[in-house]
Protein backbone atom coordinates (compact mmCIF):
# COMPACT_ATOMS: atom_id res chain seq x y z
CA MET A 1 72.20 80.43 125.63
CA THR A 2 73.12 76.75 125.55
CA GLN A 3 76.67 75.59 124.87
CA ARG A 4 75.49 73.86 121.71
CA LEU A 5 74.02 77.13 120.42
CA GLN A 6 77.23 78.95 121.32
CA ARG A 7 79.27 76.41 119.31
CA TYR A 8 76.88 76.76 116.38
CA LEU A 9 77.11 80.57 116.58
CA LEU A 10 80.91 80.46 116.47
CA SER A 11 80.82 77.98 113.58
CA MET A 12 78.74 80.50 111.61
CA PHE A 13 81.51 83.09 112.05
CA ALA A 14 83.83 80.76 110.11
CA GLN A 15 81.72 81.51 107.01
CA THR A 16 81.14 84.89 105.37
CA PRO A 17 77.63 86.08 106.42
CA SER A 18 77.31 89.39 108.28
CA ILE A 19 77.01 89.47 112.08
CA LYS A 20 73.41 90.63 111.70
CA SER A 21 72.59 87.59 109.56
CA ILE A 22 74.30 85.26 112.07
CA ALA A 23 72.35 86.85 114.94
CA GLN A 24 69.05 86.35 113.09
CA GLN A 25 69.80 82.67 112.43
CA CYS A 26 70.72 82.12 116.09
CA ASN A 27 67.75 84.16 117.36
CA CYS A 28 69.88 86.56 119.39
CA SER A 29 70.85 90.22 119.23
CA VAL A 30 73.74 91.52 117.13
CA SER A 31 75.58 92.68 120.26
CA THR A 32 75.24 89.20 121.81
CA ALA A 33 76.64 87.52 118.70
CA ALA A 34 79.53 90.01 118.57
CA ARG A 35 80.24 89.56 122.29
CA HIS A 36 80.52 85.78 121.91
CA PHE A 37 82.86 86.13 118.95
CA GLU A 38 85.17 88.34 121.05
CA LYS A 39 86.19 85.12 122.82
CA VAL A 40 88.10 84.30 119.63
CA SER A 41 91.48 86.01 119.45
CA TYR A 42 94.77 85.40 117.65
CA PRO A 43 98.15 86.33 119.13
CA LYS A 44 101.09 87.50 117.06
CA PRO A 45 102.17 84.44 115.02
CA CYS A 46 105.51 82.76 114.50
CA LEU A 47 107.03 83.41 111.11
CA SER A 48 107.46 80.78 108.39
CA PRO A 49 110.44 80.19 106.06
CA VAL A 50 108.28 81.49 103.19
CA LEU A 51 106.19 84.64 103.68
CA ALA A 52 103.81 86.43 101.33
CA ILE A 53 102.71 90.00 101.87
CA ASP A 54 99.98 91.88 100.05
CA GLU A 55 97.70 94.85 100.65
CA PHE A 56 93.93 95.07 100.44
CA LYS A 57 91.37 97.83 100.80
CA GLY A 58 89.75 97.19 104.16
CA ASN A 59 88.68 100.66 105.36
CA ALA A 60 88.93 99.47 108.97
CA GLY A 61 90.33 101.12 112.08
CA GLY A 62 90.58 104.51 110.39
CA HIS A 63 92.94 103.32 107.64
CA LYS A 64 92.07 102.71 104.01
CA PHE A 65 94.48 99.84 103.35
CA GLN A 66 95.49 96.84 105.44
CA CYS A 67 98.08 94.12 104.82
CA ILE A 68 97.94 90.32 104.75
CA VAL A 69 100.91 88.26 105.90
CA SER A 70 100.57 84.60 104.91
CA ASP A 71 102.47 81.38 104.32
CA PRO A 72 101.96 80.52 100.61
CA LYS A 73 103.69 77.16 100.98
CA LYS A 74 101.41 75.81 103.74
CA LYS A 75 98.39 77.85 102.55
CA LYS A 76 97.95 79.53 105.93
CA MET A 77 97.19 83.14 106.83
CA LEU A 78 99.49 84.38 109.59
CA ASP A 79 98.27 87.88 110.40
CA ILE A 80 96.41 91.00 109.27
CA LEU A 81 98.24 94.30 109.81
CA PRO A 82 96.25 97.52 110.42
CA THR A 83 98.06 99.66 107.81
CA ARG A 84 100.43 99.40 104.87
CA ASN A 85 102.63 102.30 106.02
CA SER A 86 106.33 101.44 105.94
CA GLU A 87 106.84 102.73 109.51
CA ASP A 88 104.07 100.51 110.88
CA LEU A 89 105.27 97.48 108.92
CA TYR A 90 108.83 98.04 110.14
CA ALA A 91 107.65 98.40 113.75
CA TYR A 92 105.58 95.22 113.51
CA PHE A 93 108.35 93.02 112.10
CA THR A 94 111.14 94.43 114.26
CA SER A 95 109.04 93.69 117.35
CA LEU A 96 109.85 90.04 116.57
CA SER A 97 113.24 88.70 117.58
CA MET A 98 116.10 88.68 115.09
CA GLU A 99 116.30 84.91 115.52
CA GLU A 100 112.68 84.64 114.35
CA ARG A 101 113.27 86.94 111.38
CA LEU A 102 116.38 85.06 110.27
CA LYS A 103 114.19 81.99 109.72
CA VAL A 104 112.55 83.69 106.72
CA GLU A 105 114.14 82.53 103.47
CA TYR A 106 111.75 83.98 100.85
CA ILE A 107 109.27 86.86 100.80
CA VAL A 108 106.69 86.90 98.00
CA MET A 109 105.23 90.27 96.99
CA ASP A 110 104.00 92.29 94.07
CA MET A 111 106.55 94.69 92.65
CA SER A 112 106.12 97.23 95.45
CA ALA A 113 109.12 99.38 96.36
CA LEU A 114 107.58 99.92 99.82
CA PHE A 115 107.34 96.20 100.61
CA ALA A 116 110.80 95.56 99.15
CA SER A 117 112.35 98.27 101.35
CA VAL A 118 110.75 96.86 104.50
CA ALA A 119 111.76 93.30 103.57
CA LYS A 120 115.42 94.23 103.07
CA ARG A 121 115.57 96.09 106.38
CA CYS A 122 113.72 93.50 108.49
CA PHE A 123 114.77 90.21 106.88
CA PRO A 124 118.48 90.40 105.99
CA LYS A 125 118.73 86.79 104.76
CA ALA A 126 115.44 86.60 102.86
CA LYS A 127 115.25 86.63 99.06
CA ILE A 128 112.49 88.63 97.40
CA VAL A 129 110.18 86.74 95.03
CA ALA A 130 108.08 88.72 92.55
CA ASP A 131 104.53 87.44 92.23
CA LYS A 132 104.25 85.91 88.75
CA PHE A 133 100.65 87.10 88.36
CA HIS A 134 101.66 90.75 88.73
CA VAL A 135 104.65 90.34 86.42
CA ALA A 136 102.49 88.68 83.74
CA ARG A 137 99.86 91.38 84.18
CA LEU A 138 102.42 94.04 83.24
CA ALA A 139 103.05 92.15 79.99
CA ASN A 140 99.32 92.15 79.29
CA TRP A 141 99.08 95.87 80.04
CA ALA A 142 101.89 96.58 77.57
CA MET A 143 100.02 94.48 75.00
CA GLU A 144 96.77 96.33 75.73
CA PHE A 145 98.46 99.71 75.28
CA VAL A 146 99.54 98.74 71.76
CA ARG A 147 96.07 97.38 70.92
CA LYS A 148 94.35 100.58 72.04
CA GLU A 149 96.75 102.76 70.10
CA GLU A 150 96.33 100.69 66.95
CA GLN A 151 92.55 100.42 67.04
CA LYS A 152 92.30 104.22 67.12
CA LYS A 153 93.45 104.14 63.49
CA PHE A 154 90.57 101.89 62.38
CA ALA A 155 87.01 102.60 61.36
CA SER A 156 84.31 102.39 64.01
CA CYS A 157 83.12 98.85 63.17
CA ARG A 158 86.67 97.46 63.23
CA ARG A 159 87.46 99.24 66.53
CA ILE A 160 84.47 97.52 68.14
CA TYR A 161 85.61 94.17 66.73
CA PHE A 162 89.13 94.62 68.14
CA LYS A 163 87.79 95.64 71.54
CA ARG A 164 85.52 92.60 71.75
CA SER A 165 88.36 90.32 70.62
CA ARG A 166 90.90 91.59 73.16
CA TRP A 167 90.71 88.36 75.20
CA ILE A 168 92.13 86.43 72.25
CA LEU A 169 95.18 88.69 72.19
CA LEU A 170 95.65 88.30 75.95
CA SER A 171 95.26 84.50 75.97
CA ARG A 172 98.20 82.15 75.52
CA GLN A 173 98.33 80.87 71.94
CA TYR A 174 98.53 77.19 72.91
CA LYS A 175 95.27 77.50 74.86
CA LEU A 176 93.28 78.74 71.86
CA LYS A 177 91.02 76.50 69.80
CA ASP A 178 91.62 76.14 66.05
CA SER A 179 88.83 78.61 65.20
CA GLU A 180 90.25 81.10 67.71
CA LYS A 181 93.75 80.73 66.23
CA ILE A 182 92.32 81.66 62.82
CA GLN A 183 90.68 84.72 64.39
CA LEU A 184 94.01 85.61 66.06
CA ALA A 185 95.84 85.38 62.73
CA ASN A 186 93.28 87.73 61.17
CA LEU A 187 93.77 90.24 63.99
CA LEU A 188 97.55 90.20 63.69
CA THR A 189 97.65 90.61 59.90
CA VAL A 190 95.95 94.01 60.21
CA SER A 191 98.68 95.70 62.27
CA ASP A 192 102.47 95.23 62.31
CA PRO A 193 102.93 96.82 65.82
CA LEU A 194 100.19 94.55 67.16
CA ARG A 195 101.92 91.50 65.69
CA LYS A 196 105.22 92.53 67.30
CA ALA A 197 103.53 93.18 70.64
CA TYR A 198 101.85 89.78 70.62
CA ARG A 199 105.12 88.04 69.86
CA LEU A 200 106.89 89.89 72.69
CA LYS A 201 104.10 89.03 75.10
CA GLU A 202 104.27 85.33 74.23
CA GLU A 203 108.07 85.29 74.43
CA PHE A 204 107.96 86.84 77.89
CA TYR A 205 105.57 84.14 79.12
CA GLU A 206 108.06 81.56 77.84
CA ILE A 207 110.74 83.24 79.98
CA LEU A 208 108.59 82.77 83.09
CA ASN A 209 108.12 79.10 82.20
CA SER A 210 111.80 78.39 81.51
CA SER A 211 113.03 74.92 82.47
CA SER A 212 116.32 76.11 84.01
CA HIS A 213 118.14 79.21 85.17
CA LYS A 214 120.49 79.09 82.16
CA ASP A 215 117.56 78.77 79.77
CA MET A 216 115.84 81.71 81.43
CA ILE A 217 118.91 83.96 81.07
CA GLN A 218 119.27 83.07 77.39
CA ARG A 219 115.59 83.72 76.70
CA TRP A 220 115.76 87.00 78.65
CA LYS A 221 118.71 88.34 76.61
CA LEU A 222 117.02 87.35 73.34
CA TRP A 223 113.75 89.00 74.47
CA GLN A 224 115.61 92.22 75.31
CA ASP A 225 117.05 92.31 71.80
CA HIS A 226 113.58 91.81 70.31
CA VAL A 227 112.14 94.62 72.46
CA GLY A 228 114.90 96.97 71.32
CA LYS A 229 114.22 96.18 67.65
CA ALA A 230 110.41 96.33 67.94
CA GLY A 231 110.33 100.04 68.84
CA LEU A 232 107.25 99.77 71.09
CA PRO A 233 107.40 102.29 73.98
CA SER A 234 105.04 100.30 76.22
CA PHE A 235 107.26 97.21 76.06
CA GLU A 236 110.41 99.31 76.54
CA ARG A 237 108.92 100.68 79.78
CA PHE A 238 107.88 97.17 80.77
CA MET A 239 111.41 95.88 80.14
CA GLN A 240 112.88 98.62 82.34
CA THR A 241 110.52 97.69 85.19
CA VAL A 242 111.29 93.98 84.94
CA SER A 243 115.04 94.71 84.73
CA LYS A 244 114.88 96.44 88.12
CA TRP A 245 113.18 93.34 89.56
CA SER A 246 115.15 90.76 87.57
CA LYS A 247 116.45 88.86 90.63
CA ALA A 248 112.95 88.68 92.13
CA VAL A 249 111.49 87.46 88.81
CA ILE A 250 114.19 84.78 88.53
CA ASN A 251 113.44 83.69 92.12
CA ALA A 252 109.77 83.36 91.17
CA ALA A 253 110.60 81.07 88.26
CA LYS A 254 113.05 79.01 90.35
CA THR A 255 110.87 78.52 93.43
CA GLY A 256 107.36 78.54 91.97
CA TYR A 257 106.09 80.60 94.91
CA SER A 258 103.34 83.12 94.21
CA ASN A 259 100.68 85.23 95.91
CA GLY A 260 97.88 83.03 94.59
CA PHE A 261 96.76 81.93 98.06
CA THR A 262 96.87 85.53 99.31
CA GLU A 263 94.79 86.76 96.36
CA GLY A 264 92.23 84.06 97.17
CA CYS A 265 92.10 85.38 100.74
CA ASN A 266 91.53 88.87 99.32
CA ASN A 267 88.47 87.62 97.46
CA ARG A 268 86.98 86.19 100.65
CA ILE A 269 87.67 89.47 102.44
CA LYS A 270 85.82 91.35 99.69
CA VAL A 271 82.82 89.06 100.15
CA LEU A 272 82.86 89.65 103.91
CA LYS A 273 83.05 93.42 103.43
CA ARG A 274 80.23 93.41 100.89
CA VAL A 275 77.78 91.39 102.99
CA SER A 276 78.70 93.39 106.12
CA TYR A 277 78.53 96.78 104.35
CA GLY A 278 82.01 97.46 105.72
CA VAL A 279 83.66 96.65 109.06
CA GLN A 280 84.94 99.54 111.19
CA ASN A 281 86.36 97.65 114.20
CA PHE A 282 89.83 96.50 113.06
CA ALA A 283 90.44 94.02 115.91
CA ARG A 284 87.15 92.24 115.17
CA PHE A 285 87.80 92.46 111.43
CA ARG A 286 91.26 90.88 111.87
CA ASN A 287 90.00 88.04 114.06
CA ARG A 288 87.08 87.38 111.71
CA ILE A 289 89.34 87.10 108.64
CA LEU A 290 91.82 84.81 110.42
CA TYR A 291 88.92 82.70 111.74
CA ILE A 292 87.34 82.36 108.28
CA VAL A 293 90.56 81.51 106.43
CA ASN A 294 92.20 79.25 109.00
CA SER A 295 89.14 77.34 110.24
């Protein structure tokens, strides 16, 4: 195999086709293509001031879930961990020096008690940042719960209409066109609980987009009062969850950090898994993901 063909083969691994497809394009066997890619390896990385951690379903190395550690500020993937177990995560991070871990200022995560516990034990100076996407999704779920409960009371034709129009209820009002705003008004006039739920959802989004810390606190207290008066169980549960993570949510609004880059990496991993019909070898899987994302 010529050096030029070897370079071309490795360049193909930076994309998302399966090893079999790469081998066919390079006119070599699958084992040969895999053997050449084993020359690529990534050591344990240095940590960044801002870390993001998230899980994904990899089904590699005998474990169902793996974890991504990335730098959301520089848009760089740092490492792939073989499991999401707290013991394994703790062992991985404590294998790094305390001096290295003290460099970490923020850790972005979804509202996972497991990740939060590991972060507090391993990174004593780091502040936890709740991913805004996951926080906003909880608001949408609370809204959806009210919609489903209300549409059960309607006739069949109206239930179908409400189900097909759910995206209007979940969209931000300022993003809707004039015709869609009229449709939204018609939806909200039918049900008082639905109207209250929509108002609470929109008010919560305004909290996330507050211009200052003081403004956020004021909006938060007002929103809590509105939730208490609305009498909607789904939003009361949502408020309790957000209250437990209030500092992390405030940090998200202040810093603007999110898991958006990590979620994008998850999508590329899903593509790789789908075209490869799964990857069993974790070491190869890890190197392939890091090679694709960081090339």
